[in-house]
Protein backbone atom coordinates (compact mmCIF):
# COMPACT_ATOMS: atom_id res chain seq x y z
CA UNK A 1 10.49 46.49 -20.35
CA UNK A 2 8.60 43.33 -20.45
CA UNK A 3 7.35 41.70 -16.81
CA UNK A 4 7.99 37.94 -16.32
CA UNK A 5 4.70 35.94 -15.58
CA UNK A 6 5.30 33.89 -12.78
CA UNK A 7 5.93 30.51 -12.99
CA UNK A 8 3.22 28.12 -11.13
CA UNK A 9 4.32 24.66 -10.85
CA UNK A 10 1.25 22.18 -10.25
CA UNK A 11 0.75 20.58 -6.74
CA UNK A 12 2.07 17.01 -5.91
CA UNK A 13 -1.37 14.59 -6.42
CA UNK A 14 -2.08 13.58 -3.26
CA UNK A 15 -4.85 11.11 -4.03
CA UNK A 16 -4.15 7.70 -5.23
CA UNK A 17 -4.17 3.71 -4.16
CA UNK A 18 -1.02 2.47 -2.51
CA UNK A 19 0.43 -0.87 -0.90
CA UNK A 20 1.51 -1.52 2.40
CA UNK A 21 4.20 -4.50 2.80
CA UNK A 22 4.02 -5.99 6.22
CA UNK A 23 5.26 -9.07 8.03
CA UNK A 24 3.78 -11.01 10.63
CA UNK A 25 6.07 -12.64 12.42
CA UNK A 26 3.81 -15.20 14.44
CA UNK A 27 0.57 -16.59 13.40
CA UNK A 28 -2.47 -15.60 15.34
CA UNK A 29 -5.87 -14.95 15.36
CA UNK A 30 -7.49 -11.82 15.35
CA UNK A 31 -11.17 -10.52 15.68
CA UNK A 32 -11.37 -8.73 12.77
CA UNK A 33 -15.18 -6.82 13.06
CA UNK A 34 -17.97 -8.06 10.68
CA UNK A 35 -15.32 -10.85 9.39
CA UNK A 36 -15.10 -12.57 12.74
CA UNK A 37 -11.90 -14.63 13.93
CA UNK A 38 -9.49 -14.82 11.48
CA UNK A 39 -6.13 -16.88 11.47
CA UNK A 40 -3.28 -15.08 10.31
CA UNK A 41 -0.10 -17.10 9.01
CA UNK A 42 3.37 -16.21 9.34
CA UNK A 43 4.56 -14.44 6.61
CA UNK A 44 4.38 -11.26 4.18
CA UNK A 45 1.12 -9.76 3.11
CA UNK A 46 0.30 -6.84 1.28
CA UNK A 47 -2.31 -4.35 1.99
CA UNK A 48 -3.97 -2.39 -0.83
CA UNK A 49 -5.86 0.42 -0.21
CA UNK A 50 -6.78 4.11 -1.53
CA UNK A 51 -6.19 7.81 0.06
CA UNK A 52 -8.57 9.32 -2.22
CA UNK A 53 -9.06 12.24 0.29
CA UNK A 54 -5.50 12.61 1.09
CA UNK A 55 -2.66 9.83 0.12
CA UNK A 56 0.23 10.76 2.31
CA UNK A 57 -1.78 11.48 5.19
CA UNK A 58 -3.88 8.11 5.10
CA UNK A 59 -0.31 6.13 4.66
CA UNK A 60 1.43 8.11 7.39
CA UNK A 61 -1.76 7.03 9.50
CA UNK A 62 -1.17 3.37 9.01
CA UNK A 63 2.54 3.90 10.55
CA UNK A 64 1.40 5.42 13.54
CA UNK A 65 0.85 3.27 16.75
CA UNK A 66 -1.47 5.73 18.42
CA UNK A 67 -4.38 5.87 16.28
CA UNK A 68 -8.28 4.46 17.04
CA UNK A 69 -9.15 1.54 15.45
CA UNK A 70 -11.31 2.09 12.09
CA UNK A 71 -10.47 -0.34 9.25
CA UNK A 72 -9.55 -3.81 9.19
CA UNK A 73 -6.34 -3.25 8.54
CA UNK A 74 -5.57 -1.00 11.91
CA UNK A 75 -6.31 -4.24 13.70
CA UNK A 76 -4.19 -6.45 12.17
CA UNK A 77 -1.24 -3.70 12.08
CA UNK A 78 -1.62 -3.65 15.88
CA UNK A 79 0.29 -7.39 15.71
CA UNK A 80 2.57 -6.81 11.97
CA UNK A 81 5.22 -5.26 11.18
CA UNK A 82 5.30 -2.55 8.52
CA UNK A 83 8.12 -2.63 6.22
CA UNK A 84 7.06 -0.05 3.89
CA UNK A 85 4.80 1.32 1.75
CA UNK A 86 4.47 2.22 -1.98
CA UNK A 87 2.30 4.84 -3.04
CA UNK A 88 0.49 5.38 -6.50
CA UNK A 89 -0.69 8.97 -7.01
CA UNK A 90 -3.39 9.36 -8.91
CA UNK A 91 -6.93 11.29 -9.75
CA UNK A 92 -8.47 7.87 -10.15
CA UNK A 93 -9.42 5.08 -8.32
CA UNK A 94 -6.96 2.02 -8.97
CA UNK A 95 -7.38 -0.01 -5.69
CA UNK A 96 -8.88 -2.92 -7.11
CA UNK A 97 -6.62 -2.67 -10.25
CA UNK A 98 -4.10 -2.83 -7.91
CA UNK A 99 -5.32 -5.78 -5.80
CA UNK A 100 -5.99 -7.74 -9.12
CA UNK A 101 -2.33 -7.51 -10.54
CA UNK A 102 -0.83 -8.33 -6.94
CA UNK A 103 -3.35 -11.53 -6.89
CA UNK A 104 -2.08 -12.38 -10.16
CA UNK A 105 1.01 -13.23 -8.46
CA UNK A 106 2.21 -16.75 -8.17
CA UNK A 107 1.20 -18.36 -4.99
CA UNK A 108 -0.57 -14.66 -3.89
CA UNK A 109 -3.95 -15.32 -1.65
CA UNK A 110 -6.50 -12.71 -0.65
CA UNK A 111 -7.47 -13.03 2.61
CA UNK A 112 -11.49 -13.11 1.65
CA UNK A 113 -13.51 -9.91 2.14
CA UNK A 114 -10.53 -8.21 4.16
CA UNK A 115 -10.54 -4.67 3.06
CA UNK A 116 -12.70 -5.12 0.22
CA UNK A 117 -16.33 -4.31 1.93
CA UNK A 118 -17.29 -1.64 -1.12
CA UNK A 119 -16.31 -3.39 -4.06
CA UNK A 120 -16.56 -7.31 -5.46
CA UNK A 121 -12.66 -8.16 -4.95
CA UNK A 122 -12.08 -10.78 -3.38
CA UNK A 123 -9.63 -9.28 -0.83
CA UNK A 124 -7.42 -6.74 -0.46
CA UNK A 125 -5.00 -8.21 1.95
CA UNK A 126 -2.83 -10.54 -0.05
CA UNK A 127 -0.92 -13.14 1.73
CA UNK A 128 2.78 -13.92 0.21
CA UNK A 129 4.02 -16.24 2.73
CA UNK A 130 7.85 -16.46 2.40
CA UNK A 131 7.91 -14.79 -1.05
CA UNK A 132 10.00 -11.66 -0.70
CA UNK A 133 8.39 -8.33 -1.53
CA UNK A 134 10.51 -7.32 -4.11
CA UNK A 135 10.11 -10.28 -6.18
CA UNK A 136 6.04 -9.17 -6.40
CA UNK A 137 6.91 -5.42 -7.36
CA UNK A 138 9.39 -6.30 -9.93
CA UNK A 139 7.09 -8.17 -11.34
CA UNK A 140 4.10 -5.81 -10.86
CA UNK A 141 6.00 -3.15 -12.59
CA UNK A 142 4.81 -5.12 -15.99
CA UNK A 143 1.14 -5.07 -14.89
CA UNK A 144 0.78 -1.36 -14.14
CA UNK A 145 2.42 0.42 -16.54
CA UNK A 146 2.05 4.09 -16.99
CA UNK A 147 0.96 4.52 -12.57
CA UNK A 148 3.61 6.65 -11.00
CA UNK A 149 5.04 5.42 -7.66
CA UNK A 150 7.20 6.36 -4.92
CA UNK A 151 8.08 3.90 -2.04
CA UNK A 152 8.21 4.78 1.17
CA UNK A 153 10.18 2.81 3.97
CA UNK A 154 13.31 1.09 4.88
CA UNK A 155 15.91 0.95 2.42
CA UNK A 156 16.27 -2.91 2.00
CA UNK A 157 12.04 -3.17 1.41
CA UNK A 158 12.04 -0.33 -1.32
CA UNK A 159 12.02 -0.99 -4.88
CA UNK A 160 11.00 1.86 -7.17
CA UNK A 161 9.55 0.78 -10.57
CA UNK A 162 7.23 1.93 -13.57
CA UNK A 163 7.30 5.60 -12.38
CA UNK A 164 6.86 8.18 -14.96
CA UNK A 165 8.28 10.85 -12.17
CA UNK A 166 12.03 12.40 -12.82
CA UNK A 167 12.72 11.59 -9.32
CA UNK A 168 10.64 9.28 -7.55
CA UNK A 169 11.59 9.59 -3.37
CA UNK A 170 12.54 7.25 -0.69
CA UNK A 171 11.39 8.16 2.48
CA UNK A 172 12.12 6.15 5.79
CA UNK A 173 9.05 5.57 8.50
CA UNK A 174 10.11 8.44 10.38
CA UNK A 175 9.57 11.08 7.51
CA UNK A 176 5.91 10.00 7.56
CA UNK A 177 5.31 11.30 11.14
């Protein structure tokens, strides 16, 4: 009688980069730490971040309202409406590569220095104006081929693209809490 060996499945990758999709409904000026007072126009923004110490936990933190202000993005999330997030699980840092791909989108403008104090990128917060997230995400697919992604957020804001995973999951904001 032969003994069956147990099958071990690899743990899901919980490191990588992410995009936060958010809207600023009314223009405002905020104090953003060392960057000083910055003006934010009304419109859509994408923040590019990394969660190399726990991707899901980092993104879930952004969706919470009861958190200590730690990063530039925490100040903006105090006034912006967070619509969703796109996760790019990876063992490697792709935050800057994603920022470059987002900035290549026509009309995209970096908020200088925002979220990029530890790299040479112009900024990791990108203003899209009235351009919809779906247009950028669909186009981004061509620039990040081979990167896995999972979309978290409302169904209307969720676009899944370029994923080698057989079953990407779309989760609601509530699923992150």
